[in-house]
PDB file of all heavy atoms in Angstrom:
ATOM      1  N   ASP A   1      25.936  84.211  75.652  1.00  0.00           N
ATOM      2  CA  ASP A   1      27.353  84.249  75.316  1.00  0.00           C
ATOM      3  C   ASP A   1      27.562  84.105  73.813  1.00  0.00           C
ATOM      4  O   ASP A   1      26.746  83.482  73.113  1.00  0.00           O
ATOM      5  CB  ASP A   1      28.099  83.116  76.031  1.00  0.00           C
ATOM      6  CG  ASP A   1      27.898  83.148  77.539  1.00  0.00           C
ATOM      7  OD1 ASP A   1      27.549  84.220  78.066  1.00  0.00           O
ATOM      8  OD2 ASP A   1      28.071  82.093  78.179  1.00  0.00           O
ATOM      9  N   PHE A   2      28.693  84.643  73.349  1.00  0.00           N
ATOM     10  CA  PHE A   2      29.037  84.577  71.924  1.00  0.00           C
ATOM     11  C   PHE A   2      30.416  83.951  71.740  1.00  0.00           C
ATOM     12  O   PHE A   2      31.319  84.134  72.554  1.00  0.00           O
ATOM     13  CB  PHE A   2      29.036  85.981  71.309  1.00  0.00           C
ATOM     14  CG  PHE A   2      27.654  86.512  71.047  1.00  0.00           C
ATOM     15  CD1 PHE A   2      26.990  87.219  72.028  1.00  0.00           C
ATOM     16  CD2 PHE A   2      27.033  86.305  69.831  1.00  0.00           C
ATOM     17  CE1 PHE A   2      25.725  87.714  71.802  1.00  0.00           C
ATOM     18  CE2 PHE A   2      25.760  86.794  69.602  1.00  0.00           C
ATOM     19  CZ  PHE A   2      25.105  87.501  70.581  1.00  0.00           C
ATOM     20  N   HIS A   3      30.559  83.237  70.612  1.00  0.00           N
ATOM     21  CA  HIS A   3      31.842  82.664  70.228  1.00  0.00           C
ATOM     22  C   HIS A   3      32.862  83.775  69.980  1.00  0.00           C
ATOM     23  O   HIS A   3      32.512  84.939  69.807  1.00  0.00           O
ATOM     24  CB  HIS A   3      31.694  81.837  68.940  1.00  0.00           C
ATOM     25  CG  HIS A   3      30.935  80.563  69.113  1.00  0.00           C
ATOM     26  ND1 HIS A   3      31.491  79.443  69.694  1.00  0.00           N
ATOM     27  CD2 HIS A   3      29.666  80.219  68.776  1.00  0.00           C
ATOM     28  CE1 HIS A   3      30.593  78.458  69.704  1.00  0.00           C
ATOM     29  NE2 HIS A   3      29.483  78.914  69.159  1.00  0.00           N
ATOM     30  N   TYR A   4      34.129  83.380  69.903  1.00  0.00           N
ATOM     31  CA  TYR A   4      35.173  84.313  69.526  1.00  0.00           C
ATOM     32  C   TYR A   4      34.895  84.887  68.133  1.00  0.00           C
ATOM     33  O   TYR A   4      34.431  84.181  67.236  1.00  0.00           O
ATOM     34  CB  TYR A   4      36.534  83.611  69.483  1.00  0.00           C
ATOM     35  CG  TYR A   4      37.096  83.232  70.832  1.00  0.00           C
ATOM     36  CD1 TYR A   4      36.995  81.932  71.315  1.00  0.00           C
ATOM     37  CD2 TYR A   4      37.744  84.188  71.618  1.00  0.00           C
ATOM     38  CE1 TYR A   4      37.531  81.579  72.541  1.00  0.00           C
ATOM     39  CE2 TYR A   4      38.284  83.852  72.846  1.00  0.00           C
ATOM     40  CZ  TYR A   4      38.171  82.550  73.306  1.00  0.00           C
ATOM     41  OH  TYR A   4      38.698  82.208  74.529  1.00  0.00           O
ATOM     42  N   ALA A   5      35.202  86.172  67.960  1.00  0.00           N
ATOM     43  CA  ALA A   5      35.070  86.824  66.667  1.00  0.00           C
ATOM     44  C   ALA A   5      36.189  87.837  66.511  1.00  0.00           C
ATOM     45  O   ALA A   5      36.789  88.285  67.498  1.00  0.00           O
ATOM     46  CB  ALA A   5      33.710  87.522  66.546  1.00  0.00           C
ATOM     47  N   LYS A   6      36.482  88.205  65.284  1.00  0.00           N
ATOM     48  CA  LYS A   6      37.460  89.259  65.053  1.00  0.00           C
ATOM     49  C   LYS A   6      36.968  90.542  65.720  1.00  0.00           C
ATOM     50  O   LYS A   6      35.765  90.755  65.857  1.00  0.00           O
ATOM     51  CB  LYS A   6      37.689  89.455  63.560  1.00  0.00           C
ATOM     52  CG  LYS A   6      38.371  88.265  62.898  1.00  0.00           C
ATOM     53  CD  LYS A   6      38.620  88.520  61.419  1.00  0.00           C
ATOM     54  CE  LYS A   6      39.350  87.341  60.784  1.00  0.00           C
ATOM     55  NZ  LYS A   6      39.628  87.555  59.341  1.00  0.00           N
ATOM     56  N   PRO A   7      37.889  91.413  66.143  1.00  0.00           N
ATOM     57  CA  PRO A   7      37.516  92.545  67.003  1.00  0.00           C
ATOM     58  C   PRO A   7      36.393  93.433  66.470  1.00  0.00           C
ATOM     59  O   PRO A   7      35.479  93.787  67.224  1.00  0.00           O
ATOM     60  CB  PRO A   7      38.826  93.322  67.135  1.00  0.00           C
ATOM     61  CG  PRO A   7      39.888  92.285  66.994  1.00  0.00           C
ATOM     62  CD  PRO A   7      39.365  91.317  65.983  1.00  0.00           C
ATOM     63  N   LEU A   8      36.450  93.799  65.187  1.00  0.00           N
ATOM     64  CA  LEU A   8      35.414  94.694  64.671  1.00  0.00           C
ATOM     65  C   LEU A   8      34.056  93.999  64.646  1.00  0.00           C
ATOM     66  O   LEU A   8      33.037  94.589  65.024  1.00  0.00           O
ATOM     67  CB  LEU A   8      35.785  95.180  63.272  1.00  0.00           C
ATOM     68  CG  LEU A   8      34.956  96.350  62.735  1.00  0.00           C
ATOM     69  CD1 LEU A   8      35.072  97.573  63.627  1.00  0.00           C
ATOM     70  CD2 LEU A   8      35.378  96.685  61.307  1.00  0.00           C
ATOM     71  N   LYS A   9      34.047  92.738  64.240  1.00  0.00           N
ATOM     72  CA  LYS A   9      32.789  91.997  64.252  1.00  0.00           C
ATOM     73  C   LYS A   9      32.288  91.803  65.675  1.00  0.00           C
ATOM     74  O   LYS A   9      31.077  91.896  65.935  1.00  0.00           O
ATOM     75  CB  LYS A   9      32.956  90.627  63.578  1.00  0.00           C
ATOM     76  CG  LYS A   9      31.645  89.837  63.539  1.00  0.00           C
ATOM     77  CD  LYS A   9      31.774  88.520  62.803  1.00  0.00           C
ATOM     78  CE  LYS A   9      30.447  87.770  62.796  1.00  0.00           C
ATOM     79  NZ  LYS A   9      30.538  86.473  62.081  1.00  0.00           N
ATOM     80  N   ALA A  10      33.202  91.557  66.614  1.00  0.00           N
ATOM     81  CA  ALA A  10      32.795  91.366  68.008  1.00  0.00           C
ATOM     82  C   ALA A  10      32.144  92.629  68.566  1.00  0.00           C
ATOM     83  O   ALA A  10      31.158  92.559  69.311  1.00  0.00           O
ATOM     84  CB  ALA A  10      33.997  90.975  68.859  1.00  0.00           C
ATOM     85  N   ALA A  11      32.689  93.793  68.217  1.00  0.00           N
ATOM     86  CA  ALA A  11      32.107  95.055  68.686  1.00  0.00           C
ATOM     87  C   ALA A  11      30.754  95.312  68.041  1.00  0.00           C
ATOM     88  O   ALA A  11      29.791  95.711  68.708  1.00  0.00           O
ATOM     89  CB  ALA A  11      33.074  96.206  68.400  1.00  0.00           C
ATOM     90  N   ASP A  12      30.659  95.083  66.718  1.00  0.00           N
ATOM     91  CA  ASP A  12      29.367  95.220  66.037  1.00  0.00           C
ATOM     92  C   ASP A  12      28.346  94.251  66.624  1.00  0.00           C
ATOM     93  O   ASP A  12      27.163  94.568  66.776  1.00  0.00           O
ATOM     94  CB  ASP A  12      29.526  94.938  64.537  1.00  0.00           C
ATOM     95  CG  ASP A  12      30.270  96.039  63.786  1.00  0.00           C
ATOM     96  OD1 ASP A  12      30.377  97.164  64.317  1.00  0.00           O
ATOM     97  OD2 ASP A  12      30.735  95.759  62.664  1.00  0.00           O
ATOM     98  N   GLN A  13      28.815  93.055  66.940  1.00  0.00           N
ATOM     99  CA  GLN A  13      27.957  92.009  67.509  1.00  0.00           C
ATOM    100  C   GLN A  13      27.373  92.454  68.845  1.00  0.00           C
ATOM    101  O   GLN A  13      26.180  92.245  69.122  1.00  0.00           O
ATOM    102  CB  GLN A  13      28.809  90.760  67.688  1.00  0.00           C
ATOM    103  CG  GLN A  13      28.090  89.506  68.090  1.00  0.00           C
ATOM    104  CD  GLN A  13      29.003  88.297  67.960  1.00  0.00           C
ATOM    105  OE1 GLN A  13      28.898  87.522  67.017  1.00  0.00           O
ATOM    106  NE2 GLN A  13      29.905  88.129  68.896  1.00  0.00           N
ATOM    107  N   MET A  14      28.201  93.069  69.683  1.00  0.00           N
ATOM    108  CA  MET A  14      27.731  93.546  70.982  1.00  0.00           C
ATOM    109  C   MET A  14      26.683  94.638  70.801  1.00  0.00           C
ATOM    110  O   MET A  14      25.676  94.680  71.528  1.00  0.00           O
ATOM    111  CB  MET A  14      28.914  94.064  71.799  1.00  0.00           C
ATOM    112  CG  MET A  14      28.542  94.520  73.195  1.00  0.00           C
ATOM    113  SD  MET A  14      27.884  93.176  74.227  1.00  0.00           S
ATOM    114  CE  MET A  14      27.637  94.032  75.770  1.00  0.00           C
ATOM    115  N   THR A  15      26.909  95.527  69.842  1.00  0.00           N
ATOM    116  CA  THR A  15      25.943  96.587  69.559  1.00  0.00           C
ATOM    117  C   THR A  15      24.611  95.999  69.120  1.00  0.00           C
ATOM    118  O   THR A  15      23.545  96.403  69.588  1.00  0.00           O
ATOM    119  CB  THR A  15      26.492  97.520  68.465  1.00  0.00           C
ATOM    120  OG1 THR A  15      27.752  98.038  68.873  1.00  0.00           O
ATOM    121  CG2 THR A  15      25.543  98.675  68.212  1.00  0.00           C
ATOM    122  N   THR A  16      24.669  95.033  68.215  1.00  0.00           N
ATOM    123  CA  THR A  16      23.457  94.376  67.733  1.00  0.00           C
ATOM    124  C   THR A  16      22.753  93.644  68.869  1.00  0.00           C
ATOM    125  O   THR A  16      21.530  93.708  69.014  1.00  0.00           O
ATOM    126  CB  THR A  16      23.804  93.381  66.611  1.00  0.00           C
ATOM    127  OG1 THR A  16      24.410  94.085  65.531  1.00  0.00           O
ATOM    128  CG2 THR A  16      22.558  92.663  66.105  1.00  0.00           C
ATOM    129  N   PHE A  17      23.531  92.955  69.681  1.00  0.00           N
ATOM    130  CA  PHE A  17      22.974  92.180  70.789  1.00  0.00           C
ATOM    131  C   PHE A  17      22.148  93.043  71.730  1.00  0.00           C
ATOM    132  O   PHE A  17      21.012  92.712  72.075  1.00  0.00           O
ATOM    133  CB  PHE A  17      24.121  91.495  71.540  1.00  0.00           C
ATOM    134  CG  PHE A  17      23.716  90.823  72.817  1.00  0.00           C
ATOM    135  CD1 PHE A  17      22.829  89.759  72.812  1.00  0.00           C
ATOM    136  CD2 PHE A  17      24.234  91.242  74.035  1.00  0.00           C
ATOM    137  CE1 PHE A  17      22.461  89.135  73.990  1.00  0.00           C
ATOM    138  CE2 PHE A  17      23.879  90.628  75.212  1.00  0.00           C
ATOM    139  CZ  PHE A  17      22.982  89.568  75.192  1.00  0.00           C
ATOM    140  N   LYS A  18      22.689  94.166  72.156  1.00  0.00           N
ATOM    141  CA  LYS A  18      21.971  95.024  73.095  1.00  0.00           C
ATOM    142  C   LYS A  18      20.691  95.574  72.469  1.00  0.00           C
ATOM    143  O   LYS A  18      19.658  95.679  73.141  1.00  0.00           O
ATOM    144  CB  LYS A  18      22.868  96.161  73.568  1.00  0.00           C
ATOM    145  CG  LYS A  18      24.000  95.706  74.468  1.00  0.00           C
ATOM    146  CD  LYS A  18      24.826  96.858  74.988  1.00  0.00           C
ATOM    147  CE  LYS A  18      24.069  97.702  75.991  1.00  0.00           C
ATOM    148  NZ  LYS A  18      24.918  98.761  76.585  1.00  0.00           N
ATOM    149  N   MET A  19      20.746  95.901  71.179  1.00  0.00           N
ATOM    150  CA  MET A  19      19.555  96.391  70.489  1.00  0.00           C
ATOM    151  C   MET A  19      18.480  95.308  70.425  1.00  0.00           C
ATOM    152  O   MET A  19      17.295  95.567  70.682  1.00  0.00           O
ATOM    153  CB  MET A  19      19.913  96.853  69.079  1.00  0.00           C
ATOM    154  CG  MET A  19      18.709  97.292  68.239  1.00  0.00           C
ATOM    155  SD  MET A  19      19.139  97.651  66.523  1.00  0.00           S
ATOM    156  CE  MET A  19      19.673  96.043  65.927  1.00  0.00           C
ATOM    157  N   VAL A  20      18.889  94.082  70.098  1.00  0.00           N
ATOM    158  CA  VAL A  20      17.924  92.984  69.972  1.00  0.00           C
ATOM    159  C   VAL A  20      17.304  92.666  71.334  1.00  0.00           C
ATOM    160  O   VAL A  20      16.085  92.481  71.439  1.00  0.00           O
ATOM    161  CB  VAL A  20      18.608  91.742  69.373  1.00  0.00           C
ATOM    162  CG1 VAL A  20      17.688  90.527  69.479  1.00  0.00           C
ATOM    163  CG2 VAL A  20      18.975  91.991  67.919  1.00  0.00           C
ATOM    164  N   VAL A  21      18.117  92.599  72.380  1.00  0.00           N
ATOM    165  CA  VAL A  21      17.587  92.308  73.716  1.00  0.00           C
ATOM    166  C   VAL A  21      16.548  93.343  74.112  1.00  0.00           C
ATOM    167  O   VAL A  21      15.455  93.008  74.593  1.00  0.00           O
ATOM    168  CB  VAL A  21      18.727  92.266  74.755  1.00  0.00           C
ATOM    169  CG1 VAL A  21      18.152  92.188  76.173  1.00  0.00           C
ATOM    170  CG2 VAL A  21      19.634  91.067  74.502  1.00  0.00           C
ATOM    171  N   SER A  22      16.857  94.608  73.914  1.00  0.00           N
ATOM    172  CA  SER A  22      15.923  95.681  74.257  1.00  0.00           C
ATOM    173  C   SER A  22      14.621  95.562  73.470  1.00  0.00           C
ATOM    174  O   SER A  22      13.524  95.713  74.029  1.00  0.00           O
ATOM    175  CB  SER A  22      16.585  97.035  73.994  1.00  0.00           C
ATOM    176  OG  SER A  22      15.685  98.093  74.222  1.00  0.00           O
ATOM    177  N   THR A  23      14.746  95.261  72.180  1.00  0.00           N
ATOM    178  CA  THR A  23      13.564  95.183  71.312  1.00  0.00           C
ATOM    179  C   THR A  23      12.686  93.986  71.666  1.00  0.00           C
ATOM    180  O   THR A  23      11.453  94.118  71.779  1.00  0.00           O
ATOM    181  CB  THR A  23      14.003  95.093  69.838  1.00  0.00           C
ATOM    182  OG1 THR A  23      14.765  96.263  69.504  1.00  0.00           O
ATOM    183  CG2 THR A  23      12.798  95.001  68.917  1.00  0.00           C
ATOM    184  N   ILE A  24      13.298  92.809  71.834  1.00  0.00           N
ATOM    185  CA  ILE A  24      12.516  91.607  72.138  1.00  0.00           C
ATOM    186  C   ILE A  24      11.887  91.713  73.523  1.00  0.00           C
ATOM    187  O   ILE A  24      10.727  91.331  73.733  1.00  0.00           O
ATOM    188  CB  ILE A  24      13.386  90.342  72.031  1.00  0.00           C
ATOM    189  CG1 ILE A  24      13.957  90.194  70.612  1.00  0.00           C
ATOM    190  CG2 ILE A  24      12.586  89.107  72.428  1.00  0.00           C
ATOM    191  CD1 ILE A  24      12.911  90.123  69.513  1.00  0.00           C
ATOM    192  N   ALA A  25      12.627  92.242  74.488  1.00  0.00           N
ATOM    193  CA  ALA A  25      12.059  92.422  75.829  1.00  0.00           C
ATOM    194  C   ALA A  25      10.826  93.316  75.762  1.00  0.00           C
ATOM    195  O   ALA A  25       9.799  93.029  76.398  1.00  0.00           O
ATOM    196  CB  ALA A  25      13.109  93.030  76.764  1.00  0.00           C
ATOM    197  N   ASP A  26      10.904  94.381  75.004  1.00  0.00           N
ATOM    198  CA  ASP A  26       9.773  95.290  74.878  1.00  0.00           C
ATOM    199  C   ASP A  26       8.572  94.602  74.246  1.00  0.00           C
ATOM    200  O   ASP A  26       7.425  94.850  74.645  1.00  0.00           O
ATOM    201  CB  ASP A  26      10.187  96.509  74.045  1.00  0.00           C
ATOM    202  CG  ASP A  26       9.104  97.566  73.971  1.00  0.00           C
ATOM    203  OD1 ASP A  26       8.827  98.204  75.009  1.00  0.00           O
ATOM    204  OD2 ASP A  26       8.519  97.759  72.883  1.00  0.00           O
ATOM    205  N   ARG A  27       8.806  93.711  73.303  1.00  0.00           N
ATOM    206  CA  ARG A  27       7.706  92.979  72.665  1.00  0.00           C
ATOM    207  C   ARG A  27       7.010  92.038  73.661  1.00  0.00           C
ATOM    208  O   ARG A  27       5.845  91.690  73.481  1.00  0.00           O
ATOM    209  CB  ARG A  27       8.226  92.187  71.462  1.00  0.00           C
ATOM    210  CG  ARG A  27       8.617  93.084  70.279  1.00  0.00           C
ATOM    211  CD  ARG A  27       9.472  92.337  69.271  1.00  0.00           C
ATOM    212  NE  ARG A  27       8.723  91.291  68.594  1.00  0.00           N
ATOM    213  CZ  ARG A  27       8.093  91.457  67.418  1.00  0.00           C
ATOM    214  NH1 ARG A  27       8.114  92.615  66.810  1.00  0.00           N
ATOM    215  NH2 ARG A  27       7.463  90.447  66.845  1.00  0.00           N
ATOM    216  N   TYR A  28       7.723  91.632  74.698  1.00  0.00           N
ATOM    217  CA  TYR A  28       7.137  90.821  75.759  1.00  0.00           C
ATOM    218  C   TYR A  28       6.567  91.678  76.887  1.00  0.00           C
ATOM    219  O   TYR A  28       6.140  91.151  77.912  1.00  0.00           O
ATOM    220  CB  TYR A  28       8.191  89.870  76.332  1.00  0.00           C
ATOM    221  CG  TYR A  28       8.360  88.576  75.558  1.00  0.00           C
ATOM    222  CD1 TYR A  28       9.124  88.528  74.399  1.00  0.00           C
ATOM    223  CD2 TYR A  28       7.745  87.395  75.978  1.00  0.00           C
ATOM    224  CE1 TYR A  28       9.296  87.346  73.686  1.00  0.00           C
ATOM    225  CE2 TYR A  28       7.901  86.216  75.284  1.00  0.00           C
ATOM    226  CZ  TYR A  28       8.679  86.190  74.130  1.00  0.00           C
ATOM    227  OH  TYR A  28       8.837  85.013  73.430  1.00  0.00           O
ATOM    228  N   GLY A  29       6.574  92.985  76.706  1.00  0.00           N
ATOM    229  CA  GLY A  29       6.097  93.879  77.755  1.00  0.00           C
ATOM    230  C   GLY A  29       7.065  94.025  78.906  1.00  0.00           C
ATOM    231  O   GLY A  29       6.665  94.366  80.027  1.00  0.00           O
ATOM    232  N   LEU A  30       8.367  93.794  78.651  1.00  0.00           N
ATOM    233  CA  LEU A  30       9.389  93.831  79.685  1.00  0.00           C
ATOM    234  C   LEU A  30      10.414  94.927  79.385  1.00  0.00           C
ATOM    235  O   LEU A  30      10.481  95.448  78.275  1.00  0.00           O
ATOM    236  CB  LEU A  30      10.104  92.483  79.772  1.00  0.00           C
ATOM    237  CG  LEU A  30       9.230  91.258  80.051  1.00  0.00           C
ATOM    238  CD1 LEU A  30      10.039  89.976  79.866  1.00  0.00           C
ATOM    239  CD2 LEU A  30       8.631  91.324  81.459  1.00  0.00           C
ATOM    240  N   HIS A  31      11.226  95.213  80.382  1.00  0.00           N
ATOM    241  CA  HIS A  31      12.322  96.169  80.226  1.00  0.00           C
ATOM    242  C   HIS A  31      13.632  95.450  80.484  1.00  0.00           C
ATOM    243  O   HIS A  31      13.784  94.765  81.501  1.00  0.00           O
ATOM    244  CB  HIS A  31      12.163  97.329  81.213  1.00  0.00           C
ATOM    245  CG  HIS A  31      13.361  98.223  81.294  1.00  0.00           C
ATOM    246  ND1 HIS A  31      13.748  99.038  80.248  1.00  0.00           N
ATOM    247  CD2 HIS A  31      14.275  98.416  82.288  1.00  0.00           C
ATOM    248  CE1 HIS A  31      14.831  99.707  80.599  1.00  0.00           C
ATOM    249  NE2 HIS A  31      15.176  99.350  81.821  1.00  0.00           N
TER     250      HIS A  31
END
């Protein structure tokens, strides 16, 4: 979960979040 953020930052944050989750999962050999 993420704290409240201004709308543009919140949207950028979601984009970054999904990218990071995908990348870190892959480094653990996961999907």
